[in-house]
């Protein structure tokens, strides 16, 4: 049911916009985004928080910029991810 016309292929129906006829409205999309955000925050918290995440990112950056072949870097990065936070802080 289209009660206010269409906007670039989107239908406005009683306060819900359905993009391209997919059937997903903004409320469902917002709920899904909240679930994903909550899950991401849980993972970050379990790994030591945002400071540990920043340390992990720095360590991975250093590995990527360092010397060695791709396989060696992949192995080193895998070990770094298994140990959250700065090197040796597990």
PDB file of N, CA and C in Angstrom:
ATOM      1  N   UNK A   1       0.850  -1.174   0.000  1.00  0.00           N
ATOM      2  CA  UNK A   1       0.000   0.000   0.000  1.00  0.00           C
ATOM      3  C   UNK A   1       0.891   1.232   0.000  1.00  0.00           C
ATOM      4  N   UNK A   2       0.667   2.058  -0.967  1.00  0.00           N
ATOM      5  CA  UNK A   2       1.470   3.248  -1.130  1.00  0.00           C
ATOM      6  C   UNK A   2       0.602   4.452  -0.805  1.00  0.00           C
ATOM      7  N   UNK A   3       0.878   5.120   0.324  1.00  0.00           N
ATOM      8  CA  UNK A   3      -0.001   6.224   0.680  1.00  0.00           C
ATOM      9  C   UNK A   3       0.625   7.597   0.477  1.00  0.00           C
ATOM     10  N   UNK A   4       1.914   7.696   0.182  1.00  0.00           N
ATOM     11  CA  UNK A   4       2.539   8.987  -0.065  1.00  0.00           C
ATOM     12  C   UNK A   4       3.440   8.976  -1.288  1.00  0.00           C
ATOM     13  N   UNK A   5       3.264   8.073  -2.163  1.00  0.00           N
ATOM     14  CA  UNK A   5       4.099   8.022  -3.352  1.00  0.00           C
ATOM     15  C   UNK A   5       5.346   7.202  -3.114  1.00  0.00           C
ATOM     16  N   UNK A   6       6.270   7.272  -4.057  1.00  0.00           N
ATOM     17  CA  UNK A   6       7.501   6.499  -3.904  1.00  0.00           C
ATOM     18  C   UNK A   6       8.713   7.404  -4.009  1.00  0.00           C
ATOM     19  N   UNK A   7       9.772   6.976  -3.372  1.00  0.00           N
ATOM     20  CA  UNK A   7      11.041   7.688  -3.395  1.00  0.00           C
ATOM     21  C   UNK A   7      12.108   6.734  -3.914  1.00  0.00           C
ATOM     22  N   UNK A   8      12.509   6.905  -5.152  1.00  0.00           N
ATOM     23  CA  UNK A   8      13.551   6.078  -5.753  1.00  0.00           C
ATOM     24  C   UNK A   8      13.346   4.596  -5.485  1.00  0.00           C
ATOM     25  N   UNK A   9      12.212   4.075  -5.780  1.00  0.00           N
ATOM     26  CA  UNK A   9      11.950   2.658  -5.618  1.00  0.00           C
ATOM     27  C   UNK A   9      11.602   2.225  -4.213  1.00  0.00           C
ATOM     28  N   UNK A  10      11.487   3.152  -3.280  1.00  0.00           N
ATOM     29  CA  UNK A  10      11.129   2.816  -1.906  1.00  0.00           C
ATOM     30  C   UNK A  10       9.652   3.105  -1.697  1.00  0.00           C
ATOM     31  N   UNK A  11       8.996   2.260  -0.959  1.00  0.00           N
ATOM     32  CA  UNK A  11       7.581   2.457  -0.690  1.00  0.00           C
ATOM     33  C   UNK A  11       7.391   2.934   0.736  1.00  0.00           C
ATOM     34  N   UNK A  12       6.555   3.971   0.891  1.00  0.00           N
ATOM     35  CA  UNK A  12       6.223   4.470   2.221  1.00  0.00           C
ATOM     36  C   UNK A  12       4.863   3.913   2.575  1.00  0.00           C
ATOM     37  N   UNK A  13       4.793   3.161   3.660  1.00  0.00           N
ATOM     38  CA  UNK A  13       3.556   2.505   4.051  1.00  0.00           C
ATOM     39  C   UNK A  13       3.386   2.631   5.558  1.00  0.00           C
ATOM     40  N   UNK A  14       2.543   3.508   5.985  1.00  0.00           N
ATOM     41  CA  UNK A  14       2.209   3.706   7.389  1.00  0.00           C
ATOM     42  C   UNK A  14       3.457   3.817   8.269  1.00  0.00           C
ATOM     43  N   UNK A  15       4.387   4.690   7.887  1.00  0.00           N
ATOM     44  CA  UNK A  15       5.551   4.939   8.703  1.00  0.00           C
ATOM     45  C   UNK A  15       6.726   4.011   8.481  1.00  0.00           C
ATOM     46  N   UNK A  16       6.581   3.006   7.652  1.00  0.00           N
ATOM     47  CA  UNK A  16       7.673   2.081   7.381  1.00  0.00           C
ATOM     48  C   UNK A  16       8.096   2.254   5.928  1.00  0.00           C
ATOM     49  N   UNK A  17       9.388   2.291   5.697  1.00  0.00           N
ATOM     50  CA  UNK A  17       9.889   2.367   4.331  1.00  0.00           C
ATOM     51  C   UNK A  17      10.482   1.018   3.988  1.00  0.00           C
ATOM     52  N   UNK A  18      10.045   0.479   2.885  1.00  0.00           N
ATOM     53  CA  UNK A  18      10.559  -0.797   2.420  1.00  0.00           C
ATOM     54  C   UNK A  18      11.386  -0.543   1.170  1.00  0.00           C
ATOM     55  N   UNK A  19      12.648  -0.836   1.231  1.00  0.00           N
ATOM     56  CA  UNK A  19      13.544  -0.578   0.104  1.00  0.00           C
ATOM     57  C   UNK A  19      13.452  -1.705  -0.902  1.00  0.00           C
ATOM     58  N   UNK A  20      13.137  -1.343  -2.123  1.00  0.00           N
ATOM     59  CA  UNK A  20      13.151  -2.298  -3.215  1.00  0.00           C
ATOM     60  C   UNK A  20      12.256  -3.500  -3.025  1.00  0.00           C
ATOM     61  N   UNK A  21      11.249  -3.405  -2.222  1.00  0.00           N
ATOM     62  CA  UNK A  21      10.331  -4.524  -2.021  1.00  0.00           C
ATOM     63  C   UNK A  21      10.930  -5.661  -1.211  1.00  0.00           C
ATOM     64  N   UNK A  22      12.008  -5.405  -0.480  1.00  0.00           N
ATOM     65  CA  UNK A  22      12.682  -6.466   0.271  1.00  0.00           C
ATOM     66  C   UNK A  22      11.871  -6.914   1.485  1.00  0.00           C
ATOM     67  N   UNK A  23      10.944  -6.088   1.936  1.00  0.00           N
ATOM     68  CA  UNK A  23      10.133  -6.449   3.081  1.00  0.00           C
ATOM     69  C   UNK A  23      10.760  -6.065   4.406  1.00  0.00           C
ATOM     70  N   UNK A  24      11.962  -5.508   4.411  1.00  0.00           N
ATOM     71  CA  UNK A  24      12.595  -5.101   5.665  1.00  0.00           C
ATOM     72  C   UNK A  24      12.306  -3.628   5.905  1.00  0.00           C
ATOM     73  N   UNK A  25      11.745  -3.324   7.028  1.00  0.00           N
ATOM     74  CA  UNK A  25      11.472  -1.926   7.346  1.00  0.00           C
ATOM     75  C   UNK A  25      12.591  -1.371   8.233  1.00  0.00           C
ATOM     76  N   UNK A  26      12.563  -0.078   8.480  1.00  0.00           N
ATOM     77  CA  UNK A  26      13.612   0.558   9.270  1.00  0.00           C
ATOM     78  C   UNK A  26      13.644   0.036  10.701  1.00  0.00           C
ATOM     79  N   UNK A  27      12.511  -0.315  11.271  1.00  0.00           N
ATOM     80  CA  UNK A  27      12.493  -0.845  12.633  1.00  0.00           C
ATOM     81  C   UNK A  27      13.254  -2.167  12.704  1.00  0.00           C
ATOM     82  N   UNK A  28      13.010  -3.044  11.737  1.00  0.00           N
ATOM     83  CA  UNK A  28      13.707  -4.329  11.708  1.00  0.00           C
ATOM     84  C   UNK A  28      15.194  -4.121  11.467  1.00  0.00           C
ATOM     85  N   UNK A  29      15.526  -3.181  10.595  1.00  0.00           N
ATOM     86  CA  UNK A  29      16.927  -2.883  10.319  1.00  0.00           C
ATOM     87  C   UNK A  29      17.614  -2.322  11.562  1.00  0.00           C
ATOM     88  N   UNK A  30      16.945  -1.441  12.286  1.00  0.00           N
ATOM     89  CA  UNK A  30      17.503  -0.875  13.514  1.00  0.00           C
ATOM     90  C   UNK A  30      17.690  -1.957  14.574  1.00  0.00           C
ATOM     91  N   UNK A  31      16.746  -2.879  14.682  1.00  0.00           N
ATOM     92  CA  UNK A  31      16.867  -3.983  15.632  1.00  0.00           C
ATOM     93  C   UNK A  31      18.069  -4.861  15.290  1.00  0.00           C
ATOM     94  N   UNK A  32      18.236  -5.154  14.020  1.00  0.00           N
ATOM     95  CA  UNK A  32      19.360  -5.987  13.580  1.00  0.00           C
ATOM     96  C   UNK A  32      20.688  -5.276  13.842  1.00  0.00           C
ATOM     97  N   UNK A  33      20.743  -3.977  13.556  1.00  0.00           N
ATOM     98  CA  UNK A  33      21.957  -3.207  13.799  1.00  0.00           C
ATOM     99  C   UNK A  33      22.301  -3.213  15.286  1.00  0.00           C
ATOM    100  N   UNK A  34      21.307  -3.104  16.145  1.00  0.00           N
ATOM    101  CA  UNK A  34      21.529  -3.141  17.600  1.00  0.00           C
ATOM    102  C   UNK A  34      22.082  -4.491  18.023  1.00  0.00           C
ATOM    103  N   UNK A  35      21.555  -5.571  17.450  1.00  0.00           N
ATOM    104  CA  UNK A  35      22.050  -6.913  17.770  1.00  0.00           C
ATOM    105  C   UNK A  35      23.514  -7.063  17.377  1.00  0.00           C
ATOM    106  N   UNK A  36      23.862  -6.581  16.188  1.00  0.00           N
ATOM    107  CA  UNK A  36      25.237  -6.676  15.711  1.00  0.00           C
ATOM    108  C   UNK A  36      26.161  -5.828  16.587  1.00  0.00           C
ATOM    109  N   UNK A  37      25.724  -4.627  16.930  1.00  0.00           N
ATOM    110  CA  UNK A  37      26.510  -3.740  17.789  1.00  0.00           C
ATOM    111  C   UNK A  37      26.732  -4.359  19.165  1.00  0.00           C
ATOM    112  N   UNK A  38      25.681  -4.930  19.742  1.00  0.00           N
ATOM    113  CA  UNK A  38      25.803  -5.570  21.056  1.00  0.00           C
ATOM    114  C   UNK A  38      26.772  -6.754  21.007  1.00  0.00           C
ATOM    115  N   UNK A  39      26.685  -7.553  19.946  1.00  0.00           N
ATOM    116  CA  UNK A  39      27.576  -8.708  19.793  1.00  0.00           C
ATOM    117  C   UNK A  39      29.026  -8.247  19.658  1.00  0.00           C
ATOM    118  N   UNK A  40      29.253  -7.210  18.864  1.00  0.00           N
ATOM    119  CA  UNK A  40      30.604  -6.680  18.691  1.00  0.00           C
ATOM    120  C   UNK A  40      31.151  -6.167  20.018  1.00  0.00           C
ATOM    121  N   UNK A  41      30.332  -5.466  20.791  1.00  0.00           N
ATOM    122  CA  UNK A  41      30.772  -4.947  22.086  1.00  0.00           C
ATOM    123  C   UNK A  41      31.104  -6.082  23.041  1.00  0.00           C
ATOM    124  N   UNK A  42      30.321  -7.160  23.011  1.00  0.00           N
ATOM    125  CA  UNK A  42      30.605  -8.325  23.856  1.00  0.00           C
ATOM    126  C   UNK A  42      31.972  -8.930  23.516  1.00  0.00           C
ATOM    127  N   UNK A  43      32.251  -9.055  22.226  1.00  0.00           N
ATOM    128  CA  UNK A  43      33.528  -9.624  21.794  1.00  0.00           C
ATOM    129  C   UNK A  43      34.682  -8.717  22.227  1.00  0.00           C
ATOM    130  N   UNK A  44      34.516  -7.426  22.041  1.00  0.00           N
ATOM    131  CA  UNK A  44      35.557  -6.468  22.451  1.00  0.00           C
ATOM    132  C   UNK A  44      35.794  -6.551  23.956  1.00  0.00           C
ATOM    133  N   UNK A  45      34.719  -6.599  24.731  1.00  0.00           N
ATOM    134  CA  UNK A  45      34.846  -6.687  26.187  1.00  0.00           C
ATOM    135  C   UNK A  45      35.556  -7.974  26.612  1.00  0.00           C
ATOM    136  N   UNK A  46      35.224  -9.099  25.972  1.00  0.00           N
ATOM    137  CA  UNK A  46      35.848 -10.382  26.316  1.00  0.00           C
ATOM    138  C   UNK A  46      37.335 -10.395  25.978  1.00  0.00           C
ATOM    139  N   UNK A  47      37.741  -9.586  25.007  1.00  0.00           N
ATOM    140  CA  UNK A  47      39.150  -9.535  24.596  1.00  0.00           C
ATOM    141  C   UNK A  47      39.935  -8.458  25.341  1.00  0.00           C
ATOM    142  N   UNK A  48      39.327  -7.784  26.308  1.00  0.00           N
ATOM    143  CA  UNK A  48      40.068  -6.830  27.121  1.00  0.00           C
ATOM    144  C   UNK A  48      39.707  -5.379  26.901  1.00  0.00           C
ATOM    145  N   UNK A  49      38.672  -5.090  26.136  1.00  0.00           N
ATOM    146  CA  UNK A  49      38.213  -3.721  25.957  1.00  0.00           C
ATOM    147  C   UNK A  49      38.853  -3.025  24.765  1.00  0.00           C
ATOM    148  N   UNK A  50      38.513  -1.756  24.624  1.00  0.00           N
ATOM    149  CA  UNK A  50      38.965  -1.004  23.452  1.00  0.00           C
ATOM    150  C   UNK A  50      40.473  -0.744  23.478  1.00  0.00           C
ATOM    151  N   UNK A  51      41.069  -0.622  24.653  1.00  0.00           N
ATOM    152  CA  UNK A  51      42.515  -0.428  24.705  1.00  0.00           C
ATOM    153  C   UNK A  51      43.243  -1.654  24.155  1.00  0.00           C
ATOM    154  N   UNK A  52      42.789  -2.827  24.531  1.00  0.00           N
ATOM    155  CA  UNK A  52      43.387  -4.060  24.005  1.00  0.00           C
ATOM    156  C   UNK A  52      43.171  -4.161  22.501  1.00  0.00           C
ATOM    157  N   UNK A  53      42.008  -3.727  22.035  1.00  0.00           N
ATOM    158  CA  UNK A  53      41.715  -3.742  20.602  1.00  0.00           C
ATOM    159  C   UNK A  53      42.692  -2.832  19.851  1.00  0.00           C
ATOM    160  N   UNK A  54      42.946  -1.652  20.402  1.00  0.00           N
ATOM    161  CA  UNK A  54      43.900  -0.726  19.780  1.00  0.00           C
ATOM    162  C   UNK A  54      45.307  -1.327  19.765  1.00  0.00           C
ATOM    163  N   UNK A  55      45.677  -1.982  20.847  1.00  0.00           N
ATOM    164  CA  UNK A  55      46.985  -2.625  20.906  1.00  0.00           C
ATOM    165  C   UNK A  55      47.098  -3.743  19.876  1.00  0.00           C
ATOM    166  N   UNK A  56      46.023  -4.519  19.741  1.00  0.00           N
ATOM    167  CA  UNK A  56      45.995  -5.585  18.723  1.00  0.00           C
ATOM    168  C   UNK A  56      46.157  -4.998  17.328  1.00  0.00           C
ATOM    169  N   UNK A  57      45.457  -3.918  17.056  1.00  0.00           N
ATOM    170  CA  UNK A  57      45.539  -3.284  15.736  1.00  0.00           C
ATOM    171  C   UNK A  57      46.952  -2.781  15.466  1.00  0.00           C
ATOM    172  N   UNK A  58      47.585  -2.200  16.472  1.00  0.00           N
ATOM    173  CA  UNK A  58      48.954  -1.732  16.318  1.00  0.00           C
ATOM    174  C   UNK A  58      49.923  -2.876  16.074  1.00  0.00           C
ATOM    175  N   UNK A  59      49.711  -3.962  16.797  1.00  0.00           N
ATOM    176  CA  UNK A  59      50.570  -5.133  16.625  1.00  0.00           C
ATOM    177  C   UNK A  59      50.407  -5.722  15.218  1.00  0.00           C
ATOM    178  N   UNK A  60      49.168  -5.803  14.742  1.00  0.00           N
ATOM    179  CA  UNK A  60      48.933  -6.322  13.389  1.00  0.00           C
ATOM    180  C   UNK A  60      49.521  -5.397  12.327  1.00  0.00           C
ATOM    181  N   UNK A  61      49.446  -4.086  12.558  1.00  0.00           N
ATOM    182  CA  UNK A  61      50.045  -3.125  11.633  1.00  0.00           C
ATOM    183  C   UNK A  61      51.550  -3.354  11.558  1.00  0.00           C
ATOM    184  N   UNK A  62      52.186  -3.526  12.713  1.00  0.00           N
ATOM    185  CA  UNK A  62      53.629  -3.746  12.748  1.00  0.00           C
ATOM    186  C   UNK A  62      54.008  -5.043  12.035  1.00  0.00           C
ATOM    187  N   UNK A  63      53.208  -6.077  12.219  1.00  0.00           N
ATOM    188  CA  UNK A  63      53.466  -7.344  11.536  1.00  0.00           C
ATOM    189  C   UNK A  63      53.362  -7.162  10.026  1.00  0.00           C
ATOM    190  N   UNK A  64      52.317  -6.469   9.589  1.00  0.00           N
ATOM    191  CA  UNK A  64      52.104  -6.266   8.155  1.00  0.00           C
ATOM    192  C   UNK A  64      53.234  -5.453   7.528  1.00  0.00           C
ATOM    193  N   UNK A  65      53.741  -4.470   8.258  1.00  0.00           N
ATOM    194  CA  UNK A  65      54.818  -3.610   7.735  1.00  0.00           C
ATOM    195  C   UNK A  65      56.189  -4.255   7.870  1.00  0.00           C
ATOM    196  N   UNK A  66      56.291  -5.269   8.716  1.00  0.00           N
ATOM    197  CA  UNK A  66      57.587  -5.887   8.995  1.00  0.00           C
ATOM    198  C   UNK A  66      58.115  -6.721   7.842  1.00  0.00           C
ATOM    199  N   UNK A  67      59.295  -7.251   8.091  1.00  0.00           N
ATOM    200  CA  UNK A  67      59.948  -8.084   7.089  1.00  0.00           C
ATOM    201  C   UNK A  67      59.408  -9.502   7.154  1.00  0.00           C
ATOM    202  N   UNK A  68      59.621 -10.214   6.073  1.00  0.00           N
ATOM    203  CA  UNK A  68      59.196 -11.600   6.022  1.00  0.00           C
ATOM    204  C   UNK A  68      58.160 -11.826   4.945  1.00  0.00           C
ATOM    205  N   UNK A  69      57.948 -13.081   4.666  1.00  0.00           N
ATOM    206  CA  UNK A  69      56.995 -13.459   3.628  1.00  0.00           C
ATOM    207  C   UNK A  69      55.563 -13.452   4.145  1.00  0.00           C
ATOM    208  N   UNK A  70      54.667 -13.592   3.213  1.00  0.00           N
ATOM    209  CA  UNK A  70      53.242 -13.570   3.540  1.00  0.00           C
ATOM    210  C   UNK A  70      52.865 -14.683   4.512  1.00  0.00           C
ATOM    211  N   UNK A  71      53.381 -15.870   4.305  1.00  0.00           N
ATOM    212  CA  UNK A  71      53.062 -16.997   5.192  1.00  0.00           C
ATOM    213  C   UNK A  71      53.565 -16.737   6.614  1.00  0.00           C
ATOM    214  N   UNK A  72      54.787 -16.209   6.718  1.00  0.00           N
ATOM    215  CA  UNK A  72      55.327 -15.892   8.044  1.00  0.00           C
ATOM    216  C   UNK A  72      54.494 -14.827   8.744  1.00  0.00           C
ATOM    217  N   UNK A  73      54.091 -13.812   7.992  1.00  0.00           N
ATOM    218  CA  UNK A  73      53.259 -12.752   8.560  1.00  0.00           C
ATOM    219  C   UNK A  73      51.900 -13.285   8.989  1.00  0.00           C
ATOM    220  N   UNK A  74      51.324 -14.179   8.207  1.00  0.00           N
ATOM    221  CA  UNK A  74      50.028 -14.765   8.553  1.00  0.00           C
ATOM    222  C   UNK A  74      50.128 -15.562   9.847  1.00  0.00           C
ATOM    223  N   UNK A  75      51.194 -16.338   9.990  1.00  0.00           N
ATOM    224  CA  UNK A  75      51.383 -17.123  11.218  1.00  0.00           C
ATOM    225  C   UNK A  75      51.560 -16.205  12.433  1.00  0.00           C
ATOM    226  N   UNK A  76      52.359 -15.154  12.259  1.00  0.00           N
ATOM    227  CA  UNK A  76      52.602 -14.213  13.357  1.00  0.00           C
ATOM    228  C   UNK A  76      51.318 -13.471  13.737  1.00  0.00           C
ATOM    229  N   UNK A  77      50.541 -13.083  12.735  1.00  0.00           N
ATOM    230  CA  UNK A  77      49.271 -12.394  12.988  1.00  0.00           C
ATOM    231  C   UNK A  77      48.288 -13.309  13.710  1.00  0.00           C
ATOM    232  N   UNK A  78      48.265 -14.587  13.331  1.00  0.00           N
ATOM    233  CA  UNK A  78      47.384 -15.546  13.992  1.00  0.00           C
ATOM    234  C   UNK A  78      47.725 -15.660  15.473  1.00  0.00           C
ATOM    235  N   UNK A  79      49.006 -15.741  15.775  1.00  0.00           N
ATOM    236  CA  UNK A  79      49.430 -15.805  17.171  1.00  0.00           C
ATOM    237  C   UNK A  79      49.085 -14.519  17.914  1.00  0.00           C
ATOM    238  N   UNK A  80      49.231 -13.394  17.258  1.00  0.00           N
ATOM    239  CA  UNK A  80      48.922 -12.104  17.890  1.00  0.00           C
ATOM    240  C   UNK A  80      47.445 -12.004  18.240  1.00  0.00           C
ATOM    241  N   UNK A  81      46.591 -12.506  17.376  1.00  0.00           N
ATOM    242  CA  UNK A  81      45.145 -12.451  17.615  1.00  0.00           C
ATOM    243  C   UNK A  81      44.743 -13.388  18.756  1.00  0.00           C
ATOM    244  N   UNK A  82      45.443 -14.495  18.885  1.00  0.00           N
ATOM    245  CA  UNK A  82      45.133 -15.437  19.981  1.00  0.00           C
ATOM    246  C   UNK A  82      45.468 -14.853  21.338  1.00  0.00           C
ATOM    247  N   UNK A  83      46.375 -13.870  21.374  1.00  0.00           N
ATOM    248  CA  UNK A  83      46.821 -13.255  22.626  1.00  0.00           C
ATOM    249  C   UNK A  83      46.366 -11.784  22.614  1.00  0.00           C
ATOM    250  N   UNK A  84      45.180 -11.487  23.173  1.00  0.00           N
ATOM    251  CA  UNK A  84      44.650 -10.120  23.136  1.00  0.00           C
ATOM    252  C   UNK A  84      45.558  -9.115  23.835  1.00  0.00           C
ATOM    253  N   UNK A  85      45.589  -7.907  23.308  1.00  0.00           N
ATOM    254  CA  UNK A  85      46.361  -6.838  23.919  1.00  0.00           C
ATOM    255  C   UNK A  85      47.772  -6.805  23.372  1.00  0.00           C
ATOM    256  N   UNK A  86      48.628  -6.117  24.086  1.00  0.00           N
ATOM    257  CA  UNK A  86      50.021  -5.962  23.669  1.00  0.00           C
ATOM    258  C   UNK A  86      50.746  -7.306  23.744  1.00  0.00           C
ATOM    259  N   UNK A  87      51.856  -7.441  23.014  1.00  0.00           N
ATOM    260  CA  UNK A  87      52.610  -8.690  23.032  1.00  0.00           C
ATOM    261  C   UNK A  87      52.972  -9.114  24.451  1.00  0.00           C
ATOM    262  N   UNK A  88      52.719 -10.373  24.764  1.00  0.00           N
ATOM    263  CA  UNK A  88      53.060 -10.902  26.071  1.00  0.00           C
ATOM    264  C   UNK A  88      52.084 -10.580  27.176  1.00  0.00           C
ATOM    265  N   UNK A  89      50.993  -9.884  26.877  1.00  0.00           N
ATOM    266  CA  UNK A  89      50.030  -9.512  27.920  1.00  0.00           C
ATOM    267  C   UNK A  89      48.905 -10.508  28.086  1.00  0.00           C
ATOM    268  N   UNK A  90      48.721 -11.551  27.540  1.00  0.00           N
ATOM    269  CA  UNK A  90      47.617 -12.442  27.520  1.00  0.00           C
ATOM    270  C   UNK A  90      46.705 -12.465  28.608  1.00  0.00           C
TER     271      UNK A  90
END
